[in-house]
Amino acid sequence: MKIRNNYNIREIAGVTVLVPSSVVGKSGVNTASLNATGLWLLKALEGRDFTIEEAVDLMCGEYGIDRDTALGDVNALLGALRQCGFLDE
């Protein structure tokens, strides 16, 4: 899978938000909010094909967490990206 490059990263009231590039400035659009970990993983995966296992490995290596926790975090991020149309599978 691959993260599409069809979004802009914005900070709104202290929250990092992904906004579709085609609708910047419009209201009523799907957006994805990210915490610092989600933003780190997004940037680590940008521009390349990856598997869920590779994303889990990145999380475990960067944060020293167990695979189950990393898998939950990866699935949460991918679910948000999928829902907003930011993910090619």
N, C-alpha and C. Protein backbone atom coordinates (compact mmCIF):
# COMPACT_ATOMS: atom_id res chain seq x y z
N MET A 1 0.84 -1.18 0.00
CA MET A 1 0.00 0.00 0.00
C MET A 1 0.88 1.23 0.00
N LYS A 2 0.26 2.37 -0.28
CA LYS A 2 1.01 3.61 -0.36
C LYS A 2 0.10 4.77 0.05
N ILE A 3 0.68 5.71 0.77
CA ILE A 3 -0.06 6.90 1.16
C ILE A 3 -0.06 7.86 -0.02
N ARG A 4 -1.25 8.31 -0.39
CA ARG A 4 -1.37 9.25 -1.50
C ARG A 4 -0.79 10.60 -1.09
N ASN A 5 -0.40 11.35 -2.07
CA ASN A 5 0.13 12.69 -1.82
C ASN A 5 -0.93 13.73 -2.16
N ASN A 6 -2.16 13.51 -1.65
CA ASN A 6 -3.27 14.40 -1.99
C ASN A 6 -3.80 15.14 -0.77
N TYR A 7 -2.91 15.50 0.13
CA TYR A 7 -3.32 16.19 1.35
C TYR A 7 -2.32 17.27 1.72
N ASN A 8 -2.75 18.16 2.57
CA ASN A 8 -1.89 19.16 3.18
C ASN A 8 -1.94 18.95 4.68
N ILE A 9 -0.82 19.17 5.33
CA ILE A 9 -0.76 19.07 6.79
C ILE A 9 -0.97 20.48 7.35
N ARG A 10 -1.95 20.61 8.22
CA ARG A 10 -2.25 21.90 8.85
C ARG A 10 -2.30 21.70 10.37
N GLU A 11 -1.97 22.75 11.08
CA GLU A 11 -2.15 22.74 12.53
C GLU A 11 -3.28 23.70 12.84
N ILE A 12 -4.32 23.16 13.48
CA ILE A 12 -5.50 23.95 13.80
C ILE A 12 -5.75 23.83 15.30
N ALA A 13 -5.63 24.94 15.99
CA ALA A 13 -5.84 24.99 17.45
C ALA A 13 -4.99 23.94 18.16
N GLY A 14 -3.74 23.79 17.71
CA GLY A 14 -2.82 22.86 18.36
C GLY A 14 -2.98 21.41 17.94
N VAL A 15 -3.84 21.12 16.97
CA VAL A 15 -4.07 19.75 16.50
C VAL A 15 -3.56 19.65 15.06
N THR A 16 -2.77 18.62 14.78
CA THR A 16 -2.29 18.37 13.42
C THR A 16 -3.39 17.68 12.64
N VAL A 17 -3.74 18.26 11.48
CA VAL A 17 -4.85 17.77 10.67
C VAL A 17 -4.39 17.59 9.23
N LEU A 18 -4.80 16.48 8.61
CA LEU A 18 -4.60 16.29 7.18
C LEU A 18 -5.86 16.73 6.46
N VAL A 19 -5.69 17.60 5.49
CA VAL A 19 -6.81 18.15 4.73
C VAL A 19 -6.59 17.81 3.26
N PRO A 20 -7.60 17.29 2.57
CA PRO A 20 -7.43 17.00 1.15
C PRO A 20 -6.98 18.24 0.39
N SER A 21 -5.98 18.08 -0.48
CA SER A 21 -5.44 19.21 -1.25
C SER A 21 -6.49 19.89 -2.09
N SER A 22 -7.41 19.13 -2.63
CA SER A 22 -8.39 19.69 -3.55
C SER A 22 -9.46 20.54 -2.88
N VAL A 23 -9.50 20.52 -1.55
CA VAL A 23 -10.57 21.24 -0.86
C VAL A 23 -10.06 22.18 0.22
N VAL A 24 -8.80 22.55 0.18
CA VAL A 24 -8.28 23.47 1.18
C VAL A 24 -9.09 24.75 1.15
N GLY A 25 -9.56 25.17 2.29
CA GLY A 25 -10.35 26.38 2.40
C GLY A 25 -11.85 26.15 2.33
N LYS A 26 -12.27 24.93 2.03
CA LYS A 26 -13.71 24.62 1.98
C LYS A 26 -14.12 23.98 3.29
N SER A 27 -15.39 24.07 3.62
CA SER A 27 -15.88 23.45 4.85
C SER A 27 -16.59 22.14 4.51
N GLY A 28 -16.78 21.31 5.54
CA GLY A 28 -17.53 20.07 5.37
C GLY A 28 -16.78 18.98 4.64
N VAL A 29 -15.45 18.91 4.80
CA VAL A 29 -14.66 17.89 4.12
C VAL A 29 -14.12 16.89 5.14
N ASN A 30 -13.76 15.70 4.65
CA ASN A 30 -13.15 14.70 5.51
C ASN A 30 -11.72 15.11 5.83
N THR A 31 -11.40 15.10 7.09
CA THR A 31 -10.04 15.37 7.53
C THR A 31 -9.62 14.28 8.51
N ALA A 32 -8.33 14.13 8.70
CA ALA A 32 -7.81 13.18 9.67
C ALA A 32 -6.92 13.94 10.64
N SER A 33 -7.19 13.79 11.93
CA SER A 33 -6.32 14.43 12.91
C SER A 33 -5.28 13.41 13.37
N LEU A 34 -4.08 13.90 13.64
CA LEU A 34 -2.96 13.04 14.00
C LEU A 34 -2.30 13.52 15.28
N ASN A 35 -1.89 12.57 16.10
CA ASN A 35 -1.03 12.94 17.22
C ASN A 35 0.41 12.92 16.72
N ALA A 36 1.36 13.20 17.59
CA ALA A 36 2.76 13.28 17.18
C ALA A 36 3.26 11.94 16.62
N THR A 37 2.82 10.85 17.20
CA THR A 37 3.23 9.53 16.73
C THR A 37 2.67 9.25 15.34
N GLY A 38 1.41 9.56 15.12
CA GLY A 38 0.80 9.38 13.81
C GLY A 38 1.48 10.21 12.75
N LEU A 39 1.83 11.44 13.09
CA LEU A 39 2.53 12.31 12.15
C LEU A 39 3.91 11.75 11.82
N TRP A 40 4.61 11.25 12.84
CA TRP A 40 5.92 10.65 12.60
C TRP A 40 5.81 9.46 11.64
N LEU A 41 4.84 8.58 11.89
CA LEU A 41 4.68 7.41 11.04
C LEU A 41 4.27 7.81 9.63
N LEU A 42 3.38 8.76 9.51
CA LEU A 42 2.98 9.25 8.19
C LEU A 42 4.20 9.70 7.40
N LYS A 43 5.04 10.49 8.01
CA LYS A 43 6.23 11.01 7.33
C LYS A 43 7.22 9.89 7.02
N ALA A 44 7.31 8.89 7.90
CA ALA A 44 8.21 7.76 7.66
C ALA A 44 7.75 6.91 6.49
N LEU A 45 6.46 6.89 6.22
CA LEU A 45 5.90 6.05 5.16
C LEU A 45 5.64 6.79 3.86
N GLU A 46 5.69 8.10 3.89
CA GLU A 46 5.39 8.90 2.69
C GLU A 46 6.28 8.53 1.52
N GLY A 47 5.68 8.47 0.34
CA GLY A 47 6.44 8.31 -0.88
C GLY A 47 6.95 6.92 -1.18
N ARG A 48 6.49 5.91 -0.44
CA ARG A 48 6.97 4.56 -0.73
C ARG A 48 5.87 3.54 -0.49
N ASP A 49 6.00 2.41 -1.14
CA ASP A 49 5.10 1.29 -0.88
C ASP A 49 5.52 0.64 0.43
N PHE A 50 4.56 0.16 1.19
CA PHE A 50 4.86 -0.48 2.47
C PHE A 50 3.78 -1.51 2.80
N THR A 51 4.12 -2.39 3.70
CA THR A 51 3.15 -3.35 4.23
C THR A 51 2.83 -2.95 5.67
N ILE A 52 1.79 -3.52 6.19
CA ILE A 52 1.45 -3.28 7.59
C ILE A 52 2.59 -3.73 8.49
N GLU A 53 3.18 -4.87 8.16
CA GLU A 53 4.30 -5.38 8.97
C GLU A 53 5.48 -4.40 8.98
N GLU A 54 5.77 -3.80 7.85
CA GLU A 54 6.86 -2.81 7.79
C GLU A 54 6.54 -1.60 8.66
N ALA A 55 5.30 -1.16 8.64
CA ALA A 55 4.89 -0.03 9.47
C ALA A 55 5.00 -0.39 10.95
N VAL A 56 4.60 -1.60 11.30
CA VAL A 56 4.72 -2.07 12.69
C VAL A 56 6.19 -2.09 13.10
N ASP A 57 7.05 -2.60 12.23
CA ASP A 57 8.49 -2.64 12.53
C ASP A 57 9.04 -1.24 12.78
N LEU A 58 8.61 -0.27 11.97
CA LEU A 58 9.06 1.11 12.18
C LEU A 58 8.64 1.63 13.55
N MET A 59 7.38 1.38 13.91
CA MET A 59 6.88 1.84 15.22
C MET A 59 7.65 1.19 16.37
N CYS A 60 7.86 -0.11 16.27
CA CYS A 60 8.58 -0.82 17.33
C CYS A 60 10.00 -0.29 17.47
N GLY A 61 10.66 -0.06 16.34
CA GLY A 61 12.03 0.44 16.36
C GLY A 61 12.15 1.85 16.91
N GLU A 62 11.22 2.70 16.55
CA GLU A 62 11.28 4.11 16.97
C GLU A 62 10.85 4.30 18.42
N TYR A 63 9.82 3.57 18.84
CA TYR A 63 9.23 3.83 20.16
C TYR A 63 9.45 2.73 21.18
N GLY A 64 10.05 1.60 20.75
CA GLY A 64 10.34 0.52 21.71
C GLY A 64 9.08 -0.09 22.30
N ILE A 65 8.01 -0.18 21.53
CA ILE A 65 6.76 -0.74 22.02
C ILE A 65 6.59 -2.16 21.49
N ASP A 66 5.68 -2.90 22.10
CA ASP A 66 5.45 -4.27 21.66
C ASP A 66 4.66 -4.27 20.34
N ARG A 67 4.70 -5.39 19.64
CA ARG A 67 4.09 -5.49 18.31
C ARG A 67 2.58 -5.31 18.34
N ASP A 68 1.92 -5.81 19.38
CA ASP A 68 0.46 -5.67 19.46
C ASP A 68 0.05 -4.21 19.59
N THR A 69 0.77 -3.47 20.41
CA THR A 69 0.48 -2.05 20.57
C THR A 69 0.75 -1.31 19.26
N ALA A 70 1.89 -1.62 18.64
CA ALA A 70 2.24 -0.98 17.38
C ALA A 70 1.21 -1.30 16.30
N LEU A 71 0.75 -2.54 16.25
CA LEU A 71 -0.24 -2.93 15.25
C LEU A 71 -1.54 -2.15 15.45
N GLY A 72 -1.96 -1.98 16.69
CA GLY A 72 -3.16 -1.18 16.97
C GLY A 72 -3.00 0.25 16.51
N ASP A 73 -1.83 0.83 16.75
CA ASP A 73 -1.58 2.21 16.33
C ASP A 73 -1.52 2.34 14.82
N VAL A 74 -0.87 1.38 14.16
CA VAL A 74 -0.78 1.39 12.70
C VAL A 74 -2.17 1.25 12.09
N ASN A 75 -2.95 0.32 12.60
CA ASN A 75 -4.30 0.12 12.07
C ASN A 75 -5.18 1.36 12.27
N ALA A 76 -5.01 2.04 13.39
CA ALA A 76 -5.77 3.27 13.63
C ALA A 76 -5.41 4.34 12.60
N LEU A 77 -4.11 4.52 12.35
CA LEU A 77 -3.67 5.51 11.37
C LEU A 77 -4.16 5.14 9.98
N LEU A 78 -3.97 3.89 9.58
CA LEU A 78 -4.39 3.47 8.24
C LEU A 78 -5.90 3.58 8.07
N GLY A 79 -6.65 3.29 9.11
CA GLY A 79 -8.11 3.44 9.04
C GLY A 79 -8.51 4.88 8.80
N ALA A 80 -7.86 5.81 9.48
CA ALA A 80 -8.17 7.23 9.29
C ALA A 80 -7.78 7.68 7.88
N LEU A 81 -6.62 7.24 7.42
CA LEU A 81 -6.18 7.61 6.07
C LEU A 81 -7.10 7.03 5.02
N ARG A 82 -7.51 5.79 5.22
CA ARG A 82 -8.42 5.10 4.29
C ARG A 82 -9.75 5.84 4.21
N GLN A 83 -10.28 6.21 5.36
CA GLN A 83 -11.59 6.87 5.43
C GLN A 83 -11.59 8.21 4.69
N CYS A 84 -10.46 8.87 4.68
CA CYS A 84 -10.35 10.19 4.04
C CYS A 84 -9.86 10.11 2.60
N GLY A 85 -9.58 8.91 2.12
CA GLY A 85 -9.12 8.77 0.74
C GLY A 85 -7.66 9.08 0.54
N PHE A 86 -6.85 8.93 1.58
CA PHE A 86 -5.42 9.23 1.51
C PHE A 86 -4.57 7.97 1.34
N LEU A 87 -5.19 6.81 1.09
CA LEU A 87 -4.45 5.55 1.06
C LEU A 87 -4.78 4.77 -0.20
N ASP A 88 -3.75 4.30 -0.89
CA ASP A 88 -3.90 3.38 -2.01
C ASP A 88 -3.53 1.99 -1.52
N GLU A 89 -4.41 1.04 -1.76
CA GLU A 89 -4.13 -0.32 -1.28
C GLU A 89 -3.93 -1.28 -2.43
